[in-house]
Amino acid sequence: MAAHARSYVNSRFYLELDQPSGWLFSADGGHVQTESVNERMAGGYPVRKHAGNVKVDDITVTCGTGMTSKFYDWIKDSMQYQHSRKDGAVVHTNYDFKEIVRQTFQRALITEIGLPALDATSKETAKMTIKFSPELCTLEYSGGTRSVQPVPLSPPKQKLWTPSNFRVRIDGLEDVCRNISKVEAITIKQNVIENTIGEKLIFDKEPAQIDFPNVILTVPESDAEKWYKWHKEFVIEGKSYSASEKQGGIEYLSSDLAQTLFTLGLENLGIIKFTPDKAEAGSEKIRSVKIEMYCEKMKFTYNNQAVYG
């Protein structure tokens, strides 16, 4: 009897952007599919079916520190409307770092950038989620017979990045930013327009508007007075002109708080909600206030030595 191929465990993934660009926590998507188009024929004949438009799902990867500058530059440039299409691959390997599957993608545009929620009490590992939309994807199976030489050869000990290590800065509110306990997750979405081209009905993808989300913070009620004063002027008194907007940023720090790994610049912030905790008699819980602000633009920067040193 013929021997069956041995099953394998898919355990490690890395991203290539022309060259190995870093190990990933997870990778998903990039599936190519079409749809069944039905045409009803006259005279009672069976329905005629044929393949329709070809669609490629977005690829979603999660990562931390340790990616190369080419990867972080792709994120930074995309948020500044300097869009670039990337060719590359998501490579799946086994425990022995032998290539199992290579998922090659072409002309990919970033469509979503997700930065983790921040919490001063969290002990979890922080992860960044990036979604990108390729125009074409193909799979190549090698079954663990091909050696790979990513840089570095094995996943590095990434600098510890936890959601508890962060610093928020907002001009004019520096003293009441020191005790911010939470920042809700931030997801920046790049809209993409699809245009059908050619006889193969493959979509050409073009970048459109970027949607920058609101920034939501949690502060102790003892620091709420300055926030409320801004809210009162901006919302209640209607002084919501550009001069009342503020500039700021969020710094994502290393575990020893000595280095800034990433910075998210926040431009033209305007406060829109001031929501104290529910008042409860006899509660010993420290009351806090949730602050929500719109943000016109965000700018991503990274410390190359800190994240890949």
C-alpha atoms as a PDB file:
ATOM      1  CA  MET A   1       0.000   0.000   0.000  1.00  0.00           C
ATOM      2  CA  ALA A   2       1.193   3.523  -0.771  1.00  0.00           C
ATOM      3  CA  ALA A   3       2.316   5.509   2.256  1.00  0.00           C
ATOM      4  CA  HIS A   4       0.125   8.459   3.190  1.00  0.00           C
ATOM      5  CA  ALA A   5       1.660  11.901   3.515  1.00  0.00           C
ATOM      6  CA  ARG A   6       2.245  12.767   7.133  1.00  0.00           C
ATOM      7  CA  SER A   7       0.081  15.514   8.622  1.00  0.00           C
ATOM      8  CA  TYR A   8       1.835  18.637   9.820  1.00  0.00           C
ATOM      9  CA  VAL A   9       1.166  21.408  12.299  1.00  0.00           C
ATOM     10  CA  ASN A  10       1.110  24.915  10.881  1.00  0.00           C
ATOM     11  CA  SER A  11       2.698  26.918  13.650  1.00  0.00           C
ATOM     12  CA  ARG A  12       4.699  29.889  12.390  1.00  0.00           C
ATOM     13  CA  PHE A  13       3.989  32.634   9.896  1.00  0.00           C
ATOM     14  CA  TYR A  14       6.083  35.432   8.502  1.00  0.00           C
ATOM     15  CA  LEU A  15       5.437  38.246   6.073  1.00  0.00           C
ATOM     16  CA  GLU A  16       7.475  39.018   2.989  1.00  0.00           C
ATOM     17  CA  LEU A  17       7.476  42.424   1.310  1.00  0.00           C
ATOM     18  CA  ASP A  18      10.104  41.697  -1.359  1.00  0.00           C
ATOM     19  CA  GLN A  19      12.162  40.282   1.516  1.00  0.00           C
ATOM     20  CA  PRO A  20      11.291  38.767   4.926  1.00  0.00           C
ATOM     21  CA  SER A  21       9.621  41.495   6.953  1.00  0.00           C
ATOM     22  CA  GLY A  22       8.881  39.883  10.305  1.00  0.00           C
ATOM     23  CA  TRP A  23       7.099  37.074  12.137  1.00  0.00           C
ATOM     24  CA  LEU A  24       3.359  37.259  12.708  1.00  0.00           C
ATOM     25  CA  PHE A  25       1.044  36.160  15.509  1.00  0.00           C
ATOM     26  CA  SER A  26      -1.626  35.183  12.974  1.00  0.00           C
ATOM     27  CA  ALA A  27      -2.592  35.456   9.307  1.00  0.00           C
ATOM     28  CA  ASP A  28      -5.931  34.931   7.591  1.00  0.00           C
ATOM     29  CA  GLY A  29      -7.748  35.689   4.342  1.00  0.00           C
ATOM     30  CA  GLY A  30      -6.603  36.239   0.774  1.00  0.00           C
ATOM     31  CA  HIS A  31      -9.022  33.643  -0.568  1.00  0.00           C
ATOM     32  CA  VAL A  32      -9.878  33.935  -4.249  1.00  0.00           C
ATOM     33  CA  GLN A  33     -13.471  33.185  -5.152  1.00  0.00           C
ATOM     34  CA  THR A  34     -16.116  33.753  -7.753  1.00  0.00           C
ATOM     35  CA  GLU A  35     -19.884  33.492  -7.795  1.00  0.00           C
ATOM     36  CA  SER A  36     -22.317  31.376  -9.727  1.00  0.00           C
ATOM     37  CA  VAL A  37     -24.288  33.468 -12.231  1.00  0.00           C
ATOM     38  CA  ASN A  38     -27.621  31.921 -13.304  1.00  0.00           C
ATOM     39  CA  GLU A  39     -29.259  32.568 -16.664  1.00  0.00           C
ATOM     40  CA  ARG A  40     -32.762  31.282 -17.218  1.00  0.00           C
ATOM     41  CA  MET A  41     -33.358  29.949 -20.707  1.00  0.00           C
ATOM     42  CA  ALA A  42     -36.645  30.123 -22.625  1.00  0.00           C
ATOM     43  CA  GLY A  43     -38.611  26.998 -23.452  1.00  0.00           C
ATOM     44  CA  GLY A  44     -38.149  25.216 -20.119  1.00  0.00           C
ATOM     45  CA  TYR A  45     -34.473  24.407 -20.543  1.00  0.00           C
ATOM     46  CA  PRO A  46     -32.308  23.991 -17.431  1.00  0.00           C
ATOM     47  CA  VAL A  47     -30.794  27.134 -15.922  1.00  0.00           C
ATOM     48  CA  ARG A  48     -27.502  28.031 -17.563  1.00  0.00           C
ATOM     49  CA  LYS A  49     -24.730  28.679 -14.980  1.00  0.00           C
ATOM     50  CA  HIS A  50     -21.316  30.237 -15.349  1.00  0.00           C
ATOM     51  CA  ALA A  51     -18.652  31.883 -13.206  1.00  0.00           C
ATOM     52  CA  GLY A  52     -18.974  35.589 -12.483  1.00  0.00           C
ATOM     53  CA  ASN A  53     -16.610  38.222 -11.105  1.00  0.00           C
ATOM     54  CA  VAL A  54     -13.434  37.116  -9.356  1.00  0.00           C
ATOM     55  CA  LYS A  55     -13.024  38.486  -5.824  1.00  0.00           C
ATOM     56  CA  VAL A  56     -10.050  38.342  -3.473  1.00  0.00           C
ATOM     57  CA  ASP A  57     -10.668  38.574   0.273  1.00  0.00           C
ATOM     58  CA  ASP A  58      -8.592  40.963   2.342  1.00  0.00           C
ATOM     59  CA  ILE A  59      -5.624  39.484   4.205  1.00  0.00           C
ATOM     60  CA  THR A  60      -5.515  40.178   7.952  1.00  0.00           C
ATOM     61  CA  VAL A  61      -2.297  39.830   9.947  1.00  0.00           C
ATOM     62  CA  THR A  62      -1.523  40.495  13.610  1.00  0.00           C
ATOM     63  CA  CYS A  63       1.942  41.437  14.784  1.00  0.00           C
ATOM     64  CA  GLY A  64       3.832  43.192  17.532  1.00  0.00           C
ATOM     65  CA  THR A  65       7.284  44.689  17.557  1.00  0.00           C
ATOM     66  CA  GLY A  66      10.059  43.142  15.478  1.00  0.00           C
ATOM     67  CA  MET A  67       8.715  43.926  12.001  1.00  0.00           C
ATOM     68  CA  THR A  68      11.080  45.615   9.554  1.00  0.00           C
ATOM     69  CA  SER A  69      11.073  49.299   8.685  1.00  0.00           C
ATOM     70  CA  LYS A  70       9.568  48.515   5.278  1.00  0.00           C
ATOM     71  CA  PHE A  71       6.438  47.188   6.968  1.00  0.00           C
ATOM     72  CA  TYR A  72       6.089  50.119   9.386  1.00  0.00           C
ATOM     73  CA  ASP A  73       6.795  52.608   6.574  1.00  0.00           C
ATOM     74  CA  TRP A  74       3.930  51.067   4.607  1.00  0.00           C
ATOM     75  CA  ILE A  75       1.596  51.830   7.529  1.00  0.00           C
ATOM     76  CA  LYS A  76       2.999  55.319   8.074  1.00  0.00           C
ATOM     77  CA  ASP A  77       2.763  56.294   4.403  1.00  0.00           C
ATOM     78  CA  SER A  78      -0.759  54.895   4.013  1.00  0.00           C
ATOM     79  CA  MET A  79      -2.043  57.087   6.846  1.00  0.00           C
ATOM     80  CA  GLN A  80      -0.587  60.138   5.117  1.00  0.00           C
ATOM     81  CA  TYR A  81      -2.342  59.330   1.806  1.00  0.00           C
ATOM     82  CA  GLN A  82       0.968  58.235   0.270  1.00  0.00           C
ATOM     83  CA  HIS A  83      -0.524  54.953  -0.838  1.00  0.00           C
ATOM     84  CA  SER A  84       1.719  52.256  -2.255  1.00  0.00           C
ATOM     85  CA  ARG A  85       0.794  48.827  -3.565  1.00  0.00           C
ATOM     86  CA  LYS A  86       2.937  45.995  -2.278  1.00  0.00           C
ATOM     87  CA  ASP A  87       3.749  42.582  -3.704  1.00  0.00           C
ATOM     88  CA  GLY A  88       4.700  39.938  -1.195  1.00  0.00           C
ATOM     89  CA  ALA A  89       3.753  36.720   0.533  1.00  0.00           C
ATOM     90  CA  VAL A  90       2.537  35.243   3.787  1.00  0.00           C
ATOM     91  CA  VAL A  91       4.720  32.186   4.370  1.00  0.00           C
ATOM     92  CA  HIS A  92       3.485  29.361   6.629  1.00  0.00           C
ATOM     93  CA  THR A  93       6.172  27.144   8.132  1.00  0.00           C
ATOM     94  CA  ASN A  94       6.289  24.177  10.504  1.00  0.00           C
ATOM     95  CA  TYR A  95       8.195  23.884  13.792  1.00  0.00           C
ATOM     96  CA  ASP A  96      11.421  23.115  11.894  1.00  0.00           C
ATOM     97  CA  PHE A  97      11.073  26.326   9.850  1.00  0.00           C
ATOM     98  CA  LYS A  98      10.359  24.397   6.675  1.00  0.00           C
ATOM     99  CA  GLU A  99       7.972  26.118   4.292  1.00  0.00           C
ATOM    100  CA  ILE A 100       4.531  24.503   4.087  1.00  0.00           C
ATOM    101  CA  VAL A 101       2.484  27.030   2.118  1.00  0.00           C
ATOM    102  CA  ARG A 102       3.404  30.271   0.398  1.00  0.00           C
ATOM    103  CA  GLN A 103       0.510  32.657  -0.174  1.00  0.00           C
ATOM    104  CA  THR A 104       1.714  35.173  -2.733  1.00  0.00           C
ATOM    105  CA  PHE A 105      -0.198  38.441  -3.157  1.00  0.00           C
ATOM    106  CA  GLN A 106       0.050  41.233  -5.693  1.00  0.00           C
ATOM    107  CA  ARG A 107      -0.643  44.978  -5.614  1.00  0.00           C
ATOM    108  CA  ALA A 108      -1.981  45.050  -2.062  1.00  0.00           C
ATOM    109  CA  LEU A 109      -3.335  48.241  -0.472  1.00  0.00           C
ATOM    110  CA  ILE A 110      -3.709  48.679   3.280  1.00  0.00           C
ATOM    111  CA  THR A 111      -7.408  48.923   4.152  1.00  0.00           C
ATOM    112  CA  GLU A 112      -7.388  48.848   7.962  1.00  0.00           C
ATOM    113  CA  ILE A 113      -4.944  49.601  10.775  1.00  0.00           C
ATOM    114  CA  GLY A 114      -5.925  48.453  14.251  1.00  0.00           C
ATOM    115  CA  LEU A 115      -4.064  49.591  17.357  1.00  0.00           C
ATOM    116  CA  PRO A 116      -4.828  47.820  20.644  1.00  0.00           C
ATOM    117  CA  ALA A 117      -6.942  49.091  23.508  1.00  0.00           C
ATOM    118  CA  LEU A 118      -4.781  50.453  26.328  1.00  0.00           C
ATOM    119  CA  ASP A 119      -5.450  49.691  29.972  1.00  0.00           C
ATOM    120  CA  ALA A 120      -3.180  50.563  32.895  1.00  0.00           C
ATOM    121  CA  THR A 121      -4.120  47.288  34.634  1.00  0.00           C
ATOM    122  CA  SER A 122      -3.626  44.924  31.674  1.00  0.00           C
ATOM    123  CA  LYS A 123      -0.958  42.199  31.639  1.00  0.00           C
ATOM    124  CA  GLU A 124      -1.695  40.888  28.150  1.00  0.00           C
ATOM    125  CA  THR A 125       0.502  41.140  25.079  1.00  0.00           C
ATOM    126  CA  ALA A 126      -0.315  44.084  22.820  1.00  0.00           C
ATOM    127  CA  LYS A 127      -0.873  43.314  19.146  1.00  0.00           C
ATOM    128  CA  MET A 128      -1.342  45.414  16.049  1.00  0.00           C
ATOM    129  CA  THR A 129      -3.816  44.275  13.385  1.00  0.00           C
ATOM    130  CA  ILE A 130      -3.260  45.188   9.738  1.00  0.00           C
ATOM    131  CA  LYS A 131      -5.662  44.370   6.931  1.00  0.00           C
ATOM    132  CA  PHE A 132      -4.681  44.757   3.301  1.00  0.00           C
ATOM    133  CA  SER A 133      -6.517  44.183   0.039  1.00  0.00           C
ATOM    134  CA  PRO A 134      -4.609  42.434  -2.782  1.00  0.00           C
ATOM    135  CA  GLU A 135      -5.714  42.339  -6.401  1.00  0.00           C
ATOM    136  CA  LEU A 136      -4.606  38.723  -6.814  1.00  0.00           C
ATOM    137  CA  CYS A 137      -3.507  35.863  -4.536  1.00  0.00           C
ATOM    138  CA  THR A 138      -2.063  32.434  -5.322  1.00  0.00           C
ATOM    139  CA  LEU A 139      -1.060  29.486  -3.143  1.00  0.00           C
ATOM    140  CA  GLU A 140       2.006  27.279  -3.540  1.00  0.00           C
ATOM    141  CA  TYR A 141       2.231  24.095  -1.452  1.00  0.00           C
ATOM    142  CA  SER A 142       5.658  22.659  -0.681  1.00  0.00           C
ATOM    143  CA  GLY A 143       4.664  20.307   2.167  1.00  0.00           C
ATOM    144  CA  GLY A 144       7.558  21.142   4.472  1.00  0.00           C
ATOM    145  CA  THR A 145      10.306  20.224   2.006  1.00  0.00           C
ATOM    146  CA  ARG A 146      11.659  23.712   1.386  1.00  0.00           C
ATOM    147  CA  SER A 147      13.973  25.507   3.812  1.00  0.00           C
ATOM    148  CA  VAL A 148      13.351  29.167   4.448  1.00  0.00           C
ATOM    149  CA  GLN A 149      15.802  31.875   5.362  1.00  0.00           C
ATOM    150  CA  PRO A 150      13.774  34.672   6.885  1.00  0.00           C
ATOM    151  CA  VAL A 151      15.514  37.435   8.774  1.00  0.00           C
ATOM    152  CA  PRO A 152      16.066  36.402  11.486  1.00  0.00           C
ATOM    153  CA  LEU A 153      15.936  32.645  10.893  1.00  0.00           C
ATOM    154  CA  SER A 154      13.727  32.023  13.920  1.00  0.00           C
ATOM    155  CA  PRO A 155      11.171  34.324  15.551  1.00  0.00           C
ATOM    156  CA  PRO A 156      13.069  36.833  17.683  1.00  0.00           C
ATOM    157  CA  LYS A 157      12.349  37.656  21.275  1.00  0.00           C
ATOM    158  CA  GLN A 158      10.246  40.667  20.500  1.00  0.00           C
ATOM    159  CA  LYS A 159      10.474  43.603  22.855  1.00  0.00           C
ATOM    160  CA  LEU A 160       7.680  43.188  25.376  1.00  0.00           C
ATOM    161  CA  TRP A 161       4.749  45.396  24.400  1.00  0.00           C
ATOM    162  CA  THR A 162       1.811  45.487  26.800  1.00  0.00           C
ATOM    163  CA  PRO A 163      -1.357  47.624  26.782  1.00  0.00           C
ATOM    164  CA  SER A 164      -0.501  49.002  30.231  1.00  0.00           C
ATOM    165  CA  ASN A 165       2.525  50.977  29.044  1.00  0.00           C
ATOM    166  CA  PHE A 166       1.387  54.157  27.347  1.00  0.00           C
ATOM    167  CA  ARG A 167       1.422  57.931  27.596  1.00  0.00           C
ATOM    168  CA  VAL A 168      -1.214  60.365  26.302  1.00  0.00           C
ATOM    169  CA  ARG A 169      -0.361  63.971  25.531  1.00  0.00           C
ATOM    170  CA  ILE A 170      -2.905  66.681  24.682  1.00  0.00           C
ATOM    171  CA  ASP A 171      -1.803  70.306  24.443  1.00  0.00           C
ATOM    172  CA  GLY A 172      -3.048  72.365  27.370  1.00  0.00           C
ATOM    173  CA  LEU A 173      -4.161  69.281  29.301  1.00  0.00           C
ATOM    174  CA  GLU A 174      -0.771  67.749  30.082  1.00  0.00           C
ATOM    175  CA  ASP A 175      -1.291  67.619  33.855  1.00  0.00           C
ATOM    176  CA  VAL A 176      -4.652  65.797  33.634  1.00  0.00           C
ATOM    177  CA  CYS A 177      -3.359  63.311  31.039  1.00  0.00           C
ATOM    178  CA  ARG A 178      -0.987  61.677  33.518  1.00  0.00           C
ATOM    179  CA  ASN A 179      -3.647  59.544  35.191  1.00  0.00           C
ATOM    180  CA  ILE A 180      -5.562  58.338  32.132  1.00  0.00           C
ATOM    181  CA  SER A 181      -6.407  54.699  32.838  1.00  0.00           C
ATOM    182  CA  LYS A 182      -7.782  53.525  29.494  1.00  0.00           C
ATOM    183  CA  VAL A 183      -7.727  54.311  25.798  1.00  0.00           C
ATOM    184  CA  GLU A 184     -10.194  52.373  23.682  1.00  0.00           C
ATOM    185  CA  ALA A 185      -8.939  50.474  20.622  1.00  0.00           C
ATOM    186  CA  ILE A 186      -8.311  52.606  17.547  1.00  0.00           C
ATOM    187  CA  THR A 187      -9.180  51.301  14.081  1.00  0.00           C
ATOM    188  CA  ILE A 188      -8.311  53.413  11.039  1.00  0.00           C
ATOM    189  CA  LYS A 189     -10.112  52.391   7.858  1.00  0.00           C
ATOM    190  CA  GLN A 190      -8.995  53.055   4.305  1.00  0.00           C
ATOM    191  CA  ASN A 191     -11.883  52.935   1.858  1.00  0.00           C
ATOM    192  CA  VAL A 192     -11.144  51.192  -1.430  1.00  0.00           C
ATOM    193  CA  ILE A 193     -13.035  51.559  -4.699  1.00  0.00           C
ATOM    194  CA  GLU A 194     -13.195  48.489  -6.953  1.00  0.00           C
ATOM    195  CA  ASN A 195     -13.337  48.854 -10.731  1.00  0.00           C
ATOM    196  CA  THR A 196     -13.920  45.858 -12.993  1.00  0.00           C
ATOM    197  CA  ILE A 197     -11.339  45.646 -15.773  1.00  0.00           C
ATOM    198  CA  GLY A 198     -10.549  43.281 -18.611  1.00  0.00           C
ATOM    199  CA  GLU A 199     -12.223  40.141 -19.867  1.00  0.00           C
ATOM    200  CA  LYS A 200     -11.351  38.158 -16.714  1.00  0.00           C
ATOM    201  CA  LEU A 201     -13.541  40.439 -14.578  1.00  0.00           C
ATOM    202  CA  ILE A 202     -10.794  41.073 -12.017  1.00  0.00           C
ATOM    203  CA  PHE A 203     -11.215  44.172  -9.848  1.00  0.00           C
ATOM    204  CA  ASP A 204      -8.734  47.033  -9.998  1.00  0.00           C
ATOM    205  CA  LYS A 205      -8.612  48.646  -6.533  1.00  0.00           C
ATOM    206  CA  GLU A 206      -8.092  52.340  -5.894  1.00  0.00           C
ATOM    207  CA  PRO A 207      -7.671  54.065  -2.493  1.00  0.00           C
ATOM    208  CA  ALA A 208     -10.332  56.562  -1.423  1.00  0.00           C
ATOM    209  CA  GLN A 209     -11.073  58.438   1.810  1.00  0.00           C
ATOM    210  CA  ILE A 210      -9.518  57.423   5.148  1.00  0.00           C
ATOM    211  CA  ASP A 211     -11.886  57.218   8.127  1.00  0.00           C
ATOM    212  CA  PHE A 212     -10.150  58.277  11.341  1.00  0.00           C
ATOM    213  CA  PRO A 213     -12.085  57.132  14.436  1.00  0.00           C
ATOM    214  CA  ASN A 214     -12.992  59.015  17.585  1.00  0.00           C
ATOM    215  CA  VAL A 215     -10.539  58.822  20.485  1.00  0.00           C
ATOM    216  CA  ILE A 216     -12.097  57.618  23.759  1.00  0.00           C
ATOM    217  CA  LEU A 217     -10.287  57.993  27.088  1.00  0.00           C
ATOM    218  CA  THR A 218     -11.117  57.117  30.696  1.00  0.00           C
ATOM    219  CA  VAL A 219      -9.923  59.551  33.371  1.00  0.00           C
ATOM    220  CA  PRO A 220     -10.430  59.640  37.150  1.00  0.00           C
ATOM    221  CA  GLU A 221     -13.138  62.042  38.294  1.00  0.00           C
ATOM    222  CA  SER A 222     -10.527  63.885  40.359  1.00  0.00           C
ATOM    223  CA  ASP A 223      -8.969  65.036  37.045  1.00  0.00           C
ATOM    224  CA  ALA A 224     -12.286  65.794  35.336  1.00  0.00           C
ATOM    225  CA  GLU A 225     -12.564  69.551  35.929  1.00  0.00           C
ATOM    226  CA  LYS A 226     -10.317  70.683  33.072  1.00  0.00           C
ATOM    227  CA  TRP A 227     -11.913  68.186  30.696  1.00  0.00           C
ATOM    228  CA  TYR A 228     -15.373  69.469  31.628  1.00  0.00           C
ATOM    229  CA  LYS A 229     -14.320  73.075  31.134  1.00  0.00           C
ATOM    230  CA  TRP A 230     -13.238  72.241  27.577  1.00  0.00           C
ATOM    231  CA  HIS A 231     -16.485  70.299  27.001  1.00  0.00           C
ATOM    232  CA  LYS A 232     -18.590  73.173  28.357  1.00  0.00           C
ATOM    233  CA  GLU A 233     -16.944  75.710  26.061  1.00  0.00           C
ATOM    234  CA  PHE A 234     -16.814  73.449  23.008  1.00  0.00           C
ATOM    235  CA  VAL A 235     -20.240  71.780  23.238  1.00  0.00           C
ATOM    236  CA  ILE A 236     -22.552  73.688  25.583  1.00  0.00           C
ATOM    237  CA  GLU A 237     -21.400  77.217  24.730  1.00  0.00           C
ATOM    238  CA  GLY A 238     -20.895  76.334  21.060  1.00  0.00           C
ATOM    239  CA  LYS A 239     -17.284  77.520  20.779  1.00  0.00           C
ATOM    240  CA  SER A 240     -16.433  74.610  18.491  1.00  0.00           C
ATOM    241  CA  TYR A 241     -14.216  76.521  16.100  1.00  0.00           C
ATOM    242  CA  SER A 242     -10.798  75.369  14.967  1.00  0.00           C
ATOM    243  CA  ALA A 243      -8.953  77.474  17.545  1.00  0.00           C
ATOM    244  CA  SER A 244     -10.634  75.435  20.299  1.00  0.00           C
ATOM    245  CA  GLU A 245      -9.414  72.127  18.865  1.00  0.00           C
ATOM    246  CA  LYS A 246      -6.321  70.560  20.373  1.00  0.00           C
ATOM    247  CA  GLN A 247      -3.289  68.637  19.144  1.00  0.00           C
ATOM    248  CA  GLY A 248      -1.891  65.577  20.874  1.00  0.00           C
ATOM    249  CA  GLY A 249      -0.612  62.048  20.622  1.00  0.00           C
ATOM    250  CA  ILE A 250      -0.511  58.570  22.121  1.00  0.00           C
ATOM    251  CA  GLU A 251       2.855  56.987  22.867  1.00  0.00           C
ATOM    252  CA  TYR A 252       3.100  53.186  23.047  1.00  0.00           C
ATOM    253  CA  LEU A 253       5.982  52.462  25.427  1.00  0.00           C
ATOM    254  CA  SER A 254       8.379  49.572  26.064  1.00  0.00           C
ATOM    255  CA  SER A 255       7.956  47.457  29.199  1.00  0.00           C
ATOM    256  CA  ASP A 256      10.576  49.471  31.118  1.00  0.00           C
ATOM    257  CA  LEU A 257       8.944  52.749  29.993  1.00  0.00           C
ATOM    258  CA  ALA A 258      12.362  53.882  28.734  1.00  0.00           C
ATOM    259  CA  GLN A 259      11.597  53.860  25.009  1.00  0.00           C
ATOM    260  CA  THR A 260       8.720  54.881  22.793  1.00  0.00           C
ATOM    261  CA  LEU A 261       7.946  52.049  20.379  1.00  0.00           C
ATOM    262  CA  PHE A 262       5.219  53.753  18.360  1.00  0.00           C
ATOM    263  CA  THR A 263       3.561  57.163  18.388  1.00  0.00           C
ATOM    264  CA  LEU A 264       0.113  57.991  17.058  1.00  0.00           C
ATOM    265  CA  GLY A 265      -0.137  61.711  16.426  1.00  0.00           C
ATOM    266  CA  LEU A 266      -3.628  63.178  16.914  1.00  0.00           C
ATOM    267  CA  GLU A 267      -4.481  66.291  14.924  1.00  0.00           C
ATOM    268  CA  ASN A 268      -7.410  68.657  15.500  1.00  0.00           C
ATOM    269  CA  LEU A 269      -9.109  66.990  18.446  1.00  0.00           C
ATOM    270  CA  GLY A 270     -12.550  68.216  19.446  1.00  0.00           C
ATOM    271  CA  ILE A 271     -14.314  66.992  22.592  1.00  0.00           C
ATOM    272  CA  ILE A 272     -17.859  65.743  21.902  1.00  0.00           C
ATOM    273  CA  LYS A 273     -18.836  63.698  24.990  1.00  0.00           C
ATOM    274  CA  PHE A 274     -18.188  63.944  28.733  1.00  0.00           C
ATOM    275  CA  THR A 275     -19.760  60.963  30.518  1.00  0.00           C
ATOM    276  CA  PRO A 276     -19.249  60.396  34.265  1.00  0.00           C
ATOM    277  CA  ASP A 277     -19.782  56.932  35.766  1.00  0.00           C
ATOM    278  CA  LYS A 278     -23.200  56.070  37.088  1.00  0.00           C
ATOM    279  CA  ALA A 279     -23.654  57.362  40.654  1.00  0.00           C
ATOM    280  CA  GLU A 280     -24.285  54.537  43.120  1.00  0.00           C
ATOM    281  CA  ALA A 281     -24.845  55.021  46.857  1.00  0.00           C
ATOM    282  CA  GLY A 282     -22.438  53.047  49.030  1.00  0.00           C
ATOM    283  CA  SER A 283     -20.114  52.114  46.163  1.00  0.00           C
ATOM    284  CA  GLU A 284     -16.400  52.085  46.961  1.00  0.00           C
ATOM    285  CA  LYS A 285     -15.422  52.132  43.307  1.00  0.00           C
ATOM    286  CA  ILE A 286     -13.328  55.120  42.249  1.00  0.00           C
ATOM    287  CA  ARG A 287     -15.503  57.135  39.913  1.00  0.00           C
ATOM    288  CA  SER A 288     -14.194  57.911  36.468  1.00  0.00           C
ATOM    289  CA  VAL A 289     -15.261  59.898  33.432  1.00  0.00           C
ATOM    290  CA  LYS A 290     -15.246  58.798  29.817  1.00  0.00           C
ATOM    291  CA  ILE A 291     -14.026  61.434  27.360  1.00  0.00           C
ATOM    292  CA  GLU A 292     -14.758  61.143  23.638  1.00  0.00           C
ATOM    293  CA  MET A 293     -13.127  63.331  20.992  1.00  0.00           C
ATOM    294  CA  TYR A 294     -13.237  63.467  17.230  1.00  0.00           C
ATOM    295  CA  CYS A 295      -9.909  63.493  15.415  1.00  0.00           C
ATOM    296  CA  GLU A 296      -9.434  64.872  11.918  1.00  0.00           C
ATOM    297  CA  LYS A 297      -6.147  63.125  11.159  1.00  0.00           C
ATOM    298  CA  MET A 298      -3.748  60.638  12.724  1.00  0.00           C
ATOM    299  CA  LYS A 299      -0.049  60.164  12.022  1.00  0.00           C
ATOM    300  CA  PHE A 300       1.872  56.956  12.765  1.00  0.00           C
ATOM    301  CA  THR A 301       5.596  56.970  13.539  1.00  0.00           C
ATOM    302  CA  TYR A 302       7.900  54.312  14.973  1.00  0.00           C
ATOM    303  CA  ASN A 303      11.263  54.063  16.684  1.00  0.00           C
ATOM    304  CA  ASN A 304      13.190  51.694  14.428  1.00  0.00           C
ATOM    305  CA  GLN A 305      15.891  50.996  17.009  1.00  0.00           C
ATOM    306  CA  ALA A 306      13.331  50.290  19.721  1.00  0.00           C
ATOM    307  CA  VAL A 307      11.039  47.972  17.746  1.00  0.00           C
ATOM    308  CA  TYR A 308      13.711  46.148  15.754  1.00  0.00           C
ATOM    309  CA  GLY A 309      16.881  46.801  17.679  1.00  0.00           C
END
